Protein backbone atom coordinates (compact mmCIF):
# COMPACT_ATOMS: atom_id res chain seq x y z
CA MET A 1 -77.43 -11.11 51.02
CA LYS A 2 -75.40 -7.95 51.21
CA TYR A 3 -72.98 -6.69 52.98
CA GLN A 4 -72.55 -3.05 53.51
CA ARG A 5 -70.18 -1.88 56.12
CA LEU A 6 -68.36 -3.29 58.54
CA THR A 7 -69.13 -2.28 62.28
CA ILE A 8 -67.52 -2.25 65.26
CA LYS A 9 -70.07 -4.45 67.28
CA ALA A 10 -69.11 -6.99 64.01
CA ILE A 11 -65.29 -6.63 65.26
CA ILE A 12 -65.97 -6.98 68.69
CA ARG A 13 -68.56 -10.07 68.11
CA TRP A 14 -65.22 -11.95 66.12
CA GLU A 15 -62.55 -11.12 67.95
CA GLN A 16 -65.24 -12.96 71.19
CA LEU A 17 -65.45 -15.39 69.38
CA ARG A 18 -61.77 -15.99 68.16
CA GLU A 19 -60.38 -14.66 71.08
CA LYS A 20 -57.57 -12.44 69.61
CA SER A 21 -57.46 -9.16 68.84
CA PHE A 22 -58.71 -7.51 65.78
CA SER A 23 -55.64 -6.84 64.16
CA GLN A 24 -54.51 -10.30 64.05
CA MET A 25 -56.47 -10.99 61.69
CA ASN A 26 -55.27 -13.33 59.12
CA TYR A 27 -57.19 -12.57 55.93
CA THR A 28 -55.45 -16.21 54.24
CA ASP A 29 -56.90 -18.43 56.99
CA LYS A 30 -60.39 -19.51 56.33
CA GLU A 31 -61.87 -19.53 59.63
CA ASP A 32 -60.43 -15.91 60.57
CA ILE A 33 -62.55 -15.22 57.06
CA GLU A 34 -65.64 -17.40 58.18
CA SER A 35 -65.78 -16.14 61.27
CA LEU A 36 -65.42 -12.13 60.27
CA LEU A 37 -68.73 -13.18 57.37
CA TYR A 38 -70.88 -14.33 60.42
CA VAL A 39 -70.23 -11.92 62.92
CA MET A 40 -71.22 -9.55 60.30
CA TYR A 41 -74.26 -11.84 59.22
CA ILE A 42 -75.73 -11.99 62.89
CA THR A 43 -75.20 -7.99 63.50
CA SER A 44 -76.94 -7.04 60.66
CA ASP A 45 -80.89 -7.34 62.31
CA LYS A 46 -80.97 -10.20 60.12
CA SER A 47 -82.29 -13.78 61.31
CA ARG A 48 -80.07 -15.32 64.19
CA TYR A 49 -77.76 -18.82 63.50
CA THR A 50 -75.21 -20.69 64.99
CA PHE A 51 -72.20 -20.05 63.73
CA GLU A 52 -71.61 -24.07 63.06
CA VAL A 53 -75.07 -23.37 60.69
CA PHE A 54 -74.18 -20.90 59.51
CA ARG A 55 -70.44 -22.38 58.65
CA GLN A 56 -72.93 -25.39 56.14
CA VAL A 57 -73.92 -22.31 54.56
CA LEU A 58 -70.70 -21.30 53.42
CA THR A 59 -70.16 -25.09 52.16
CA ASP A 60 -72.35 -23.37 48.97
CA GLU A 61 -69.18 -21.78 46.70
CA ARG A 62 -71.83 -19.34 44.92
CA PHE A 63 -72.18 -18.52 47.50
CA MET A 64 -69.51 -17.72 49.73
CA ASN A 65 -67.72 -15.75 46.61
CA ALA A 66 -70.12 -13.16 46.69
CA MET A 67 -70.27 -12.29 50.03
CA SER A 68 -65.75 -12.80 50.06
CA SER A 69 -66.86 -10.02 47.33
CA ASP A 70 -68.93 -7.95 49.38
CA LEU A 71 -66.34 -8.31 51.86
CA GLY A 72 -63.21 -7.50 49.88
CA LYS A 73 -65.12 -4.48 48.10
CA ILE A 74 -65.98 -3.27 52.49
CA MET A 75 -62.45 -3.75 52.97
CA GLU A 76 -60.42 -1.79 49.71
CA VAL A 77 -62.91 0.94 51.04
CA VAL A 78 -61.65 1.49 54.41
CA ALA A 79 -58.10 0.92 53.26
CA GLN A 80 -58.36 4.25 51.61
CA PHE A 81 -58.52 5.52 55.10
CA GLN A 82 -56.86 3.64 57.61
CA ARG A 83 -53.98 4.40 58.65
CA LYS A 84 -51.05 1.85 60.25
CA ILE A 85 -51.96 0.77 64.01
CA THR A 86 -48.73 0.81 65.66
CA THR A 87 -47.64 -0.71 68.86
CA SER A 88 -48.52 2.50 70.32
CA ASP A 89 -51.92 2.71 69.48
CA VAL A 90 -52.77 -0.23 70.54
CA GLY A 91 -50.47 -2.19 72.52
CA ASN A 92 -50.37 -2.71 76.78
CA SER A 93 -47.50 -2.15 78.31
CA GLU A 94 -46.72 -5.76 77.28
CA GLY A 95 -46.20 -4.55 74.10
CA SER A 96 -49.01 -7.39 73.40
CA PRO A 97 -51.76 -6.05 70.25
CA GLU A 98 -54.84 -4.86 72.37
CA ASN A 99 -58.67 -5.66 71.73
CA ILE A 100 -60.28 -3.41 69.31
CA GLY A 101 -63.70 -3.85 72.02
CA LYS A 102 -61.60 -2.89 75.10
CA ILE A 103 -60.00 -0.15 72.93
CA VAL A 104 -64.19 0.89 72.48
CA SER A 105 -65.10 -0.03 75.62
CA THR A 106 -62.48 2.73 77.01
CA LEU A 107 -63.84 5.56 74.90
CA ILE A 108 -67.77 4.67 75.53
CA MET A 109 -67.29 5.16 79.24
CA ALA A 110 -64.91 8.61 78.81
CA GLY A 111 -67.97 9.75 76.74
CA LEU A 112 -68.26 8.68 73.14
CA ASP A 113 -71.76 7.81 72.15
CA ALA A 114 -71.91 4.12 72.64
CA HIS A 115 -74.51 3.52 69.96
CA TYR A 116 -72.51 5.82 66.96
CA ALA A 117 -68.98 4.06 68.68
CA LEU A 118 -70.37 -0.09 68.33
CA ASN A 119 -73.19 0.62 64.88
CA GLU A 120 -71.98 3.62 62.99
CA MET A 121 -68.42 4.20 63.56
CA GLU A 122 -65.81 3.13 60.51
CA LEU A 123 -62.81 0.87 61.78
CA CYS A 124 -60.39 3.96 59.82
CA ASP A 125 -61.43 6.40 62.77
CA LEU A 126 -60.61 4.38 65.75
CA PRO A 127 -57.25 6.12 65.63
CA LEU A 128 -58.24 9.77 65.87
CA TYR A 129 -60.44 9.15 68.88
CA LEU A 130 -58.06 7.31 70.19
CA GLU A 131 -55.18 10.20 69.80
CA VAL A 132 -57.74 12.68 71.40
CA TYR A 133 -59.02 10.20 74.46
CA GLU A 134 -55.16 9.45 75.41
CA GLN A 135 -54.19 13.67 74.71
CA LYS A 136 -56.87 14.58 77.16
CA LYS A 137 -55.67 11.62 79.79
CA LYS A 138 -52.15 13.00 79.80
CA GLU A 139 -53.66 16.82 80.48
CA GLN A 140 -55.72 15.26 82.89
CA MET A 141 -52.39 14.02 85.12
CA GLU A 142 -50.51 16.99 84.28
CA GLU A 143 -53.16 18.66 85.89
CA SER A 144 -53.26 16.27 88.32
CA ARG A 145 -49.61 16.51 88.99
CA MET A 146 -49.48 20.40 88.99
CA TRP A 147 -51.90 20.62 92.11
CA THR A 148 -50.31 18.17 93.85
CA TYR A 149 -47.02 20.23 93.71
CA PHE A 150 -48.55 23.70 94.46
CA THR A 151 -50.23 21.84 97.44
CA MET A 152 -46.86 20.70 98.22
CA LEU A 153 -45.28 23.81 97.75
CA PRO A 154 -45.19 25.27 101.51
CA HIS A 155 -43.80 22.43 102.76
CA ILE A 156 -40.47 21.76 101.05
CA ASP A 157 -37.54 23.41 99.65
CA ALA A 158 -38.34 24.33 95.96
CA ARG A 159 -35.01 25.27 95.24
CA LYS A 160 -34.19 21.83 95.61
CA MET A 161 -36.47 21.00 92.68
CA LYS A 162 -34.85 21.83 89.32
CA ASN A 163 -37.38 20.81 87.39
CA GLY A 164 -40.54 22.10 89.40
CA ALA A 165 -43.81 19.70 89.61
CA LYS A 166 -41.67 17.17 87.45
CA ASP A 167 -39.37 16.02 89.76
CA LEU A 168 -42.66 14.23 92.19
CA ILE A 169 -43.02 11.65 88.68
CA THR A 170 -42.00 11.43 85.04
CA PHE A 171 -44.63 10.61 82.81
CA PRO A 172 -43.61 7.92 80.45
CA TRP A 173 -44.42 10.20 77.55
CA GLU A 174 -41.75 12.71 79.18
CA GLU A 175 -39.20 10.42 79.96
CA GLU A 176 -39.82 9.36 75.66
CA GLU A 177 -39.61 13.43 74.82
CA MET A 178 -36.25 13.64 76.97
CA ARG A 179 -34.88 10.62 75.25
CA LYS A 180 -35.50 11.89 72.00
CA GLU A 181 -34.22 15.71 73.22
CA ALA A 182 -31.11 14.10 74.18
CA GLU A 183 -30.93 11.99 71.29
CA ARG A 184 -30.95 15.66 69.04
CA ALA A 185 -28.23 16.65 71.53
CA ILE A 186 -26.15 13.78 70.65
CA LYS A 187 -26.48 14.26 67.35
CA GLU A 188 -25.70 17.85 66.62
CA ASP A 189 -22.95 17.60 69.46
CA ALA A 190 -21.60 14.91 67.04
CA GLY A 191 -22.06 16.66 64.07
CA ARG A 192 -20.01 20.14 65.04
CA PHE A 193 -17.82 17.28 66.68
CA GLU A 194 -17.52 16.61 62.37
CA GLU A 195 -17.39 19.71 60.74
CA PHE A 196 -14.46 20.97 63.03
CA MET A 197 -12.43 17.89 62.55
CA LYS A 198 -12.50 18.49 58.77
CA THR A 199 -11.53 22.32 59.03
CA LYS A 200 -7.85 23.11 57.77
CA LYS A 201 -7.72 26.47 59.13
CA THR A 202 -5.72 27.35 62.00
CA ASP A 203 -6.05 26.37 65.04
CA TYR A 204 -7.25 27.52 69.00
CA TYR A 205 -3.91 29.53 68.64
CA GLY A 206 -3.33 30.60 65.67
CA MET A 207 -0.78 27.62 63.81
CA GLU A 208 -1.56 26.46 60.81
CA LYS A 209 -0.64 22.68 60.99
CA ASP A 210 0.79 21.30 57.25
CA SER A 211 2.44 18.19 56.55
CA GLY A 212 3.19 17.51 59.83
CA ASN A 213 4.93 21.01 60.30
CA ILE A 214 3.82 23.58 62.46
CA TYR A 215 4.48 27.65 60.69
CA SER A 216 3.56 30.35 63.32
CA HIS A 217 1.83 32.87 61.77
């Protein structure tokens, strides 16, 4: 047999079989590799065998080497386009890796074509769709908050809400933006103070300091 590509459907089957996220795939682990070769086989419209039967075939060293070589070539091609997926891309609120299957299911329920997602989409394309989905979700939540603010406006004292709709609720990504802005302001202020301390010119009162003595101009 010849393997041509690694589909999202195969990855989902691997996660179901191994009961962990594909991001935890270990290419030095015999069980992980054998499982991946198996799910690629059963999702490529070939005859169906159980994993145990398939593993008996893998005892043929030449057969195993040939399939592993095909897998290596596939992963080399995909790696050219694959950016490193961070925890923020696939992590849940606890920071643990999220299953590719769950992410793809969410995208499908949001409107991504199921056949394309499972059978045609490459793994390296997943972050692109996920980024657009998350941006759309943020915009919808911000729009909903704005309409809530407008609805409440006739019944509240808007002068007390200096940040407008953000005073109703601050979303996590906005808190991160505020944190980064605060850090930037602190760094800029520290930089200005450092430059001030390096200055050897006159002070605010027109006095110049030299060797501990003060001379008036």
